[in-house]
Amino acid sequence: MNEKDLIKKAAKKDGTALKKLVELYNPMISGLRKTYYLRDFDSNDWNQEALIVCYEAAREYTSDKGKFSVYFRSRLKNRMMTLVRFYMLNAVKGICRVSR
């Protein structure tokens, strides 16, 4: 199954296609995970975030948005930055621990 088919099926809630799509982009996901470290997040947490963002990206993707890989990476990077901001804000409030 090619990338285009995986995107269409993932957008229609096909879990197998979604997992294959995430596996296809696993090197990119791992690279971003190393860039945006959160102390209490393990690889399962990041993988779950990647699945959620990939599903959302597949649902909203159209070819006029460019390559899916770039679109998905941008959305995942934005989600990770949001999580970092959330953790930093809550660390200031004493709710979450953040390693420095």
N, C-alpha and C. Protein backbone atom coordinates (compact mmCIF):
# COMPACT_ATOMS: atom_id res chain seq x y z
N MET A 1 0.85 -1.18 0.00
CA MET A 1 0.00 0.00 0.00
C MET A 1 0.89 1.24 0.00
N ASN A 2 0.59 2.18 -0.87
CA ASN A 2 1.42 3.38 -0.94
C ASN A 2 0.96 4.45 0.07
N GLU A 3 1.78 5.47 0.20
CA GLU A 3 1.53 6.51 1.18
C GLU A 3 0.16 7.17 0.98
N LYS A 4 -0.19 7.45 -0.25
CA LYS A 4 -1.46 8.12 -0.54
C LYS A 4 -2.64 7.29 -0.05
N ASP A 5 -2.59 5.98 -0.29
CA ASP A 5 -3.66 5.09 0.18
C ASP A 5 -3.71 5.02 1.70
N LEU A 6 -2.53 4.98 2.32
CA LEU A 6 -2.46 4.95 3.78
C LEU A 6 -3.09 6.20 4.38
N ILE A 7 -2.82 7.35 3.78
CA ILE A 7 -3.37 8.62 4.27
C ILE A 7 -4.90 8.60 4.18
N LYS A 8 -5.42 8.17 3.03
CA LYS A 8 -6.87 8.12 2.84
C LYS A 8 -7.53 7.17 3.83
N LYS A 9 -6.93 5.99 4.02
CA LYS A 9 -7.51 5.01 4.93
C LYS A 9 -7.40 5.46 6.38
N ALA A 10 -6.27 6.06 6.73
CA ALA A 10 -6.10 6.56 8.10
C ALA A 10 -7.13 7.64 8.40
N ALA A 11 -7.41 8.48 7.42
CA ALA A 11 -8.41 9.54 7.59
C ALA A 11 -9.80 8.97 7.83
N LYS A 12 -10.02 7.74 7.36
CA LYS A 12 -11.32 7.08 7.55
C LYS A 12 -11.31 6.14 8.75
N LYS A 13 -10.41 6.39 9.68
CA LYS A 13 -10.32 5.66 10.95
C LYS A 13 -9.88 4.21 10.79
N ASP A 14 -9.07 3.92 9.79
CA ASP A 14 -8.47 2.60 9.64
C ASP A 14 -7.22 2.54 10.52
N GLY A 15 -7.32 1.86 11.65
CA GLY A 15 -6.23 1.81 12.62
C GLY A 15 -4.97 1.18 12.08
N THR A 16 -5.12 0.15 11.26
CA THR A 16 -3.96 -0.52 10.69
C THR A 16 -3.21 0.42 9.75
N ALA A 17 -3.93 1.14 8.92
CA ALA A 17 -3.30 2.10 8.01
C ALA A 17 -2.62 3.22 8.78
N LEU A 18 -3.25 3.66 9.85
CA LEU A 18 -2.68 4.73 10.67
C LEU A 18 -1.36 4.27 11.30
N LYS A 19 -1.34 3.06 11.84
CA LYS A 19 -0.11 2.54 12.44
C LYS A 19 0.99 2.39 11.40
N LYS A 20 0.65 1.93 10.20
CA LYS A 20 1.64 1.80 9.13
C LYS A 20 2.18 3.16 8.71
N LEU A 21 1.30 4.16 8.69
CA LEU A 21 1.71 5.51 8.32
C LEU A 21 2.66 6.07 9.38
N VAL A 22 2.37 5.85 10.64
CA VAL A 22 3.25 6.31 11.71
C VAL A 22 4.58 5.57 11.65
N GLU A 23 4.56 4.26 11.38
CA GLU A 23 5.79 3.49 11.23
C GLU A 23 6.65 4.04 10.10
N LEU A 24 6.01 4.47 9.03
CA LEU A 24 6.72 5.03 7.89
C LEU A 24 7.50 6.28 8.30
N TYR A 25 6.94 7.05 9.21
CA TYR A 25 7.56 8.30 9.65
C TYR A 25 8.26 8.18 11.00
N ASN A 26 8.48 6.97 11.47
CA ASN A 26 9.10 6.76 12.77
C ASN A 26 10.47 7.44 12.92
N PRO A 27 11.35 7.41 11.90
CA PRO A 27 12.64 8.12 12.06
C PRO A 27 12.45 9.62 12.30
N MET A 28 11.51 10.23 11.62
CA MET A 28 11.23 11.66 11.82
C MET A 28 10.67 11.90 13.21
N ILE A 29 9.78 11.03 13.64
CA ILE A 29 9.18 11.15 14.97
C ILE A 29 10.25 11.02 16.05
N SER A 30 11.14 10.07 15.89
CA SER A 30 12.22 9.86 16.86
C SER A 30 13.13 11.09 16.93
N GLY A 31 13.42 11.68 15.79
CA GLY A 31 14.25 12.88 15.76
C GLY A 31 13.63 14.03 16.51
N LEU A 32 12.32 14.23 16.32
CA LEU A 32 11.63 15.30 17.03
C LEU A 32 11.56 15.00 18.53
N ARG A 33 11.39 13.73 18.86
CA ARG A 33 11.32 13.36 20.28
C ARG A 33 12.62 13.71 20.99
N LYS A 34 13.74 13.55 20.32
CA LYS A 34 15.03 13.89 20.92
C LYS A 34 15.19 15.40 21.09
N THR A 35 14.58 16.16 20.20
CA THR A 35 14.66 17.62 20.25
C THR A 35 13.80 18.19 21.38
N TYR A 36 12.62 17.63 21.57
CA TYR A 36 11.67 18.16 22.55
C TYR A 36 11.53 17.17 23.71
N TYR A 37 12.48 17.20 24.60
CA TYR A 37 12.50 16.27 25.73
C TYR A 37 11.60 16.76 26.85
N LEU A 38 10.78 15.85 27.35
CA LEU A 38 9.98 16.10 28.55
C LEU A 38 10.27 14.97 29.53
N ARG A 39 10.62 15.33 30.72
CA ARG A 39 11.07 14.36 31.72
C ARG A 39 10.08 13.22 31.96
N ASP A 40 8.82 13.53 32.10
CA ASP A 40 7.82 12.52 32.44
C ASP A 40 7.20 11.83 31.22
N PHE A 41 7.65 12.17 30.03
CA PHE A 41 7.13 11.54 28.82
C PHE A 41 8.07 10.43 28.40
N ASP A 42 7.53 9.22 28.23
CA ASP A 42 8.35 8.13 27.71
C ASP A 42 8.00 7.91 26.23
N SER A 43 8.62 6.92 25.63
CA SER A 43 8.40 6.70 24.19
C SER A 43 6.94 6.35 23.90
N ASN A 44 6.25 5.68 24.82
CA ASN A 44 4.84 5.37 24.61
C ASN A 44 3.99 6.64 24.55
N ASP A 45 4.31 7.60 25.39
CA ASP A 45 3.58 8.88 25.37
C ASP A 45 3.78 9.60 24.04
N TRP A 46 5.04 9.65 23.59
CA TRP A 46 5.33 10.32 22.32
C TRP A 46 4.67 9.58 21.16
N ASN A 47 4.69 8.25 21.21
CA ASN A 47 4.05 7.48 20.13
C ASN A 47 2.55 7.73 20.08
N GLN A 48 1.94 7.85 21.24
CA GLN A 48 0.51 8.15 21.29
C GLN A 48 0.23 9.54 20.71
N GLU A 49 1.05 10.51 21.07
CA GLU A 49 0.89 11.86 20.50
C GLU A 49 1.06 11.81 18.98
N ALA A 50 2.05 11.04 18.51
CA ALA A 50 2.28 10.92 17.07
C ALA A 50 1.07 10.30 16.37
N LEU A 51 0.47 9.28 16.98
CA LEU A 51 -0.73 8.66 16.39
C LEU A 51 -1.88 9.66 16.30
N ILE A 52 -2.08 10.40 17.36
CA ILE A 52 -3.17 11.39 17.38
C ILE A 52 -2.95 12.46 16.32
N VAL A 53 -1.74 13.00 16.27
CA VAL A 53 -1.44 14.06 15.31
C VAL A 53 -1.48 13.52 13.88
N CYS A 54 -1.00 12.31 13.67
CA CYS A 54 -1.04 11.72 12.33
C CYS A 54 -2.48 11.54 11.86
N TYR A 55 -3.34 11.08 12.74
CA TYR A 55 -4.76 10.93 12.39
C TYR A 55 -5.38 12.28 12.03
N GLU A 56 -5.13 13.28 12.86
CA GLU A 56 -5.66 14.61 12.59
C GLU A 56 -5.11 15.17 11.27
N ALA A 57 -3.81 14.95 11.04
CA ALA A 57 -3.19 15.43 9.81
C ALA A 57 -3.78 14.73 8.59
N ALA A 58 -3.99 13.42 8.69
CA ALA A 58 -4.56 12.66 7.57
C ALA A 58 -5.98 13.14 7.27
N ARG A 59 -6.75 13.41 8.32
CA ARG A 59 -8.13 13.89 8.13
C ARG A 59 -8.17 15.24 7.43
N GLU A 60 -7.25 16.12 7.77
CA GLU A 60 -7.30 17.49 7.26
C GLU A 60 -6.41 17.73 6.05
N TYR A 61 -5.62 16.73 5.66
CA TYR A 61 -4.66 16.91 4.58
C TYR A 61 -5.34 16.98 3.22
N THR A 62 -4.87 17.93 2.41
CA THR A 62 -5.21 18.00 0.99
C THR A 62 -3.91 18.27 0.25
N SER A 63 -3.85 17.88 -0.99
CA SER A 63 -2.60 17.99 -1.75
C SER A 63 -2.13 19.43 -1.90
N ASP A 64 -3.03 20.41 -1.79
CA ASP A 64 -2.60 21.81 -1.90
C ASP A 64 -1.80 22.26 -0.67
N LYS A 65 -1.73 21.42 0.37
CA LYS A 65 -0.93 21.73 1.56
C LYS A 65 0.51 21.25 1.40
N GLY A 66 0.85 20.75 0.22
CA GLY A 66 2.21 20.26 -0.03
C GLY A 66 2.32 18.79 0.27
N LYS A 67 3.54 18.35 0.53
CA LYS A 67 3.78 16.94 0.82
C LYS A 67 3.24 16.60 2.21
N PHE A 68 2.66 15.42 2.32
CA PHE A 68 2.11 15.00 3.61
C PHE A 68 3.20 14.93 4.68
N SER A 69 4.37 14.46 4.30
CA SER A 69 5.46 14.33 5.28
C SER A 69 5.79 15.67 5.93
N VAL A 70 5.81 16.73 5.14
CA VAL A 70 6.11 18.06 5.66
C VAL A 70 4.95 18.57 6.52
N TYR A 71 3.74 18.33 6.06
CA TYR A 71 2.55 18.75 6.80
C TYR A 71 2.47 18.04 8.15
N PHE A 72 2.68 16.72 8.16
CA PHE A 72 2.64 15.94 9.40
C PHE A 72 3.76 16.38 10.34
N ARG A 73 4.95 16.58 9.82
CA ARG A 73 6.08 17.00 10.66
C ARG A 73 5.79 18.35 11.32
N SER A 74 5.25 19.27 10.54
CA SER A 74 4.92 20.59 11.06
C SER A 74 3.89 20.51 12.18
N ARG A 75 2.86 19.71 11.96
CA ARG A 75 1.82 19.56 12.98
C ARG A 75 2.35 18.88 14.24
N LEU A 76 3.19 17.86 14.06
CA LEU A 76 3.75 17.16 15.21
C LEU A 76 4.71 18.06 15.98
N LYS A 77 5.51 18.82 15.26
CA LYS A 77 6.43 19.75 15.91
C LYS A 77 5.65 20.79 16.71
N ASN A 78 4.58 21.31 16.14
CA ASN A 78 3.74 22.28 16.86
C ASN A 78 3.12 21.66 18.11
N ARG A 79 2.67 20.40 18.01
CA ARG A 79 2.10 19.73 19.19
C ARG A 79 3.15 19.58 20.28
N MET A 80 4.36 19.19 19.87
CA MET A 80 5.43 19.01 20.84
C MET A 80 5.80 20.32 21.52
N MET A 81 5.85 21.40 20.75
CA MET A 81 6.15 22.71 21.33
C MET A 81 5.05 23.13 22.30
N THR A 82 3.81 22.82 21.98
CA THR A 82 2.70 23.11 22.88
C THR A 82 2.85 22.33 24.19
N LEU A 83 3.22 21.06 24.09
CA LEU A 83 3.42 20.25 25.29
C LEU A 83 4.56 20.79 26.14
N VAL A 84 5.64 21.21 25.49
CA VAL A 84 6.77 21.78 26.22
C VAL A 84 6.33 23.05 26.94
N ARG A 85 5.60 23.92 26.25
CA ARG A 85 5.11 25.15 26.89
C ARG A 85 4.20 24.82 28.08
N PHE A 86 3.33 23.85 27.91
CA PHE A 86 2.44 23.43 28.98
C PHE A 86 3.24 22.96 30.19
N TYR A 87 4.22 22.11 29.95
CA TYR A 87 5.03 21.60 31.05
C TYR A 87 5.87 22.70 31.70
N MET A 88 6.40 23.59 30.92
CA MET A 88 7.20 24.69 31.48
C MET A 88 6.32 25.61 32.33
N LEU A 89 5.13 25.93 31.84
CA LEU A 89 4.21 26.78 32.58
C LEU A 89 3.82 26.12 33.90
N ASN A 90 3.51 24.83 33.85
CA ASN A 90 3.11 24.13 35.06
C ASN A 90 4.29 23.87 35.99
N ALA A 91 5.50 23.81 35.46
CA ALA A 91 6.68 23.67 36.31
C ALA A 91 6.87 24.94 37.13
N VAL A 92 6.61 26.07 36.49
CA VAL A 92 6.71 27.35 37.20
C VAL A 92 5.68 27.39 38.34
N LYS A 93 4.52 26.80 38.09
CA LYS A 93 3.47 26.77 39.11
C LYS A 93 3.71 25.66 40.13
N GLY A 94 4.71 24.81 39.88
CA GLY A 94 5.02 23.72 40.80
C GLY A 94 4.20 22.48 40.61
N ILE A 95 3.52 22.36 39.46
CA ILE A 95 2.65 21.20 39.19
C ILE A 95 3.44 20.06 38.53
N CYS A 96 4.31 20.39 37.59
CA CYS A 96 5.09 19.39 36.86
C CYS A 96 6.57 19.59 37.13
N ARG A 97 7.32 18.50 37.06
CA ARG A 97 8.77 18.59 37.18
C ARG A 97 9.37 18.69 35.77
N VAL A 98 10.31 19.57 35.59
CA VAL A 98 11.01 19.71 34.32
C VAL A 98 12.49 19.67 34.60
N SER A 99 13.20 18.77 33.92
CA SER A 99 14.64 18.72 34.12
C SER A 99 15.32 19.77 33.26
N ARG A 100 16.39 20.30 33.73
CA ARG A 100 17.10 21.34 32.97
C ARG A 100 18.52 20.91 32.79
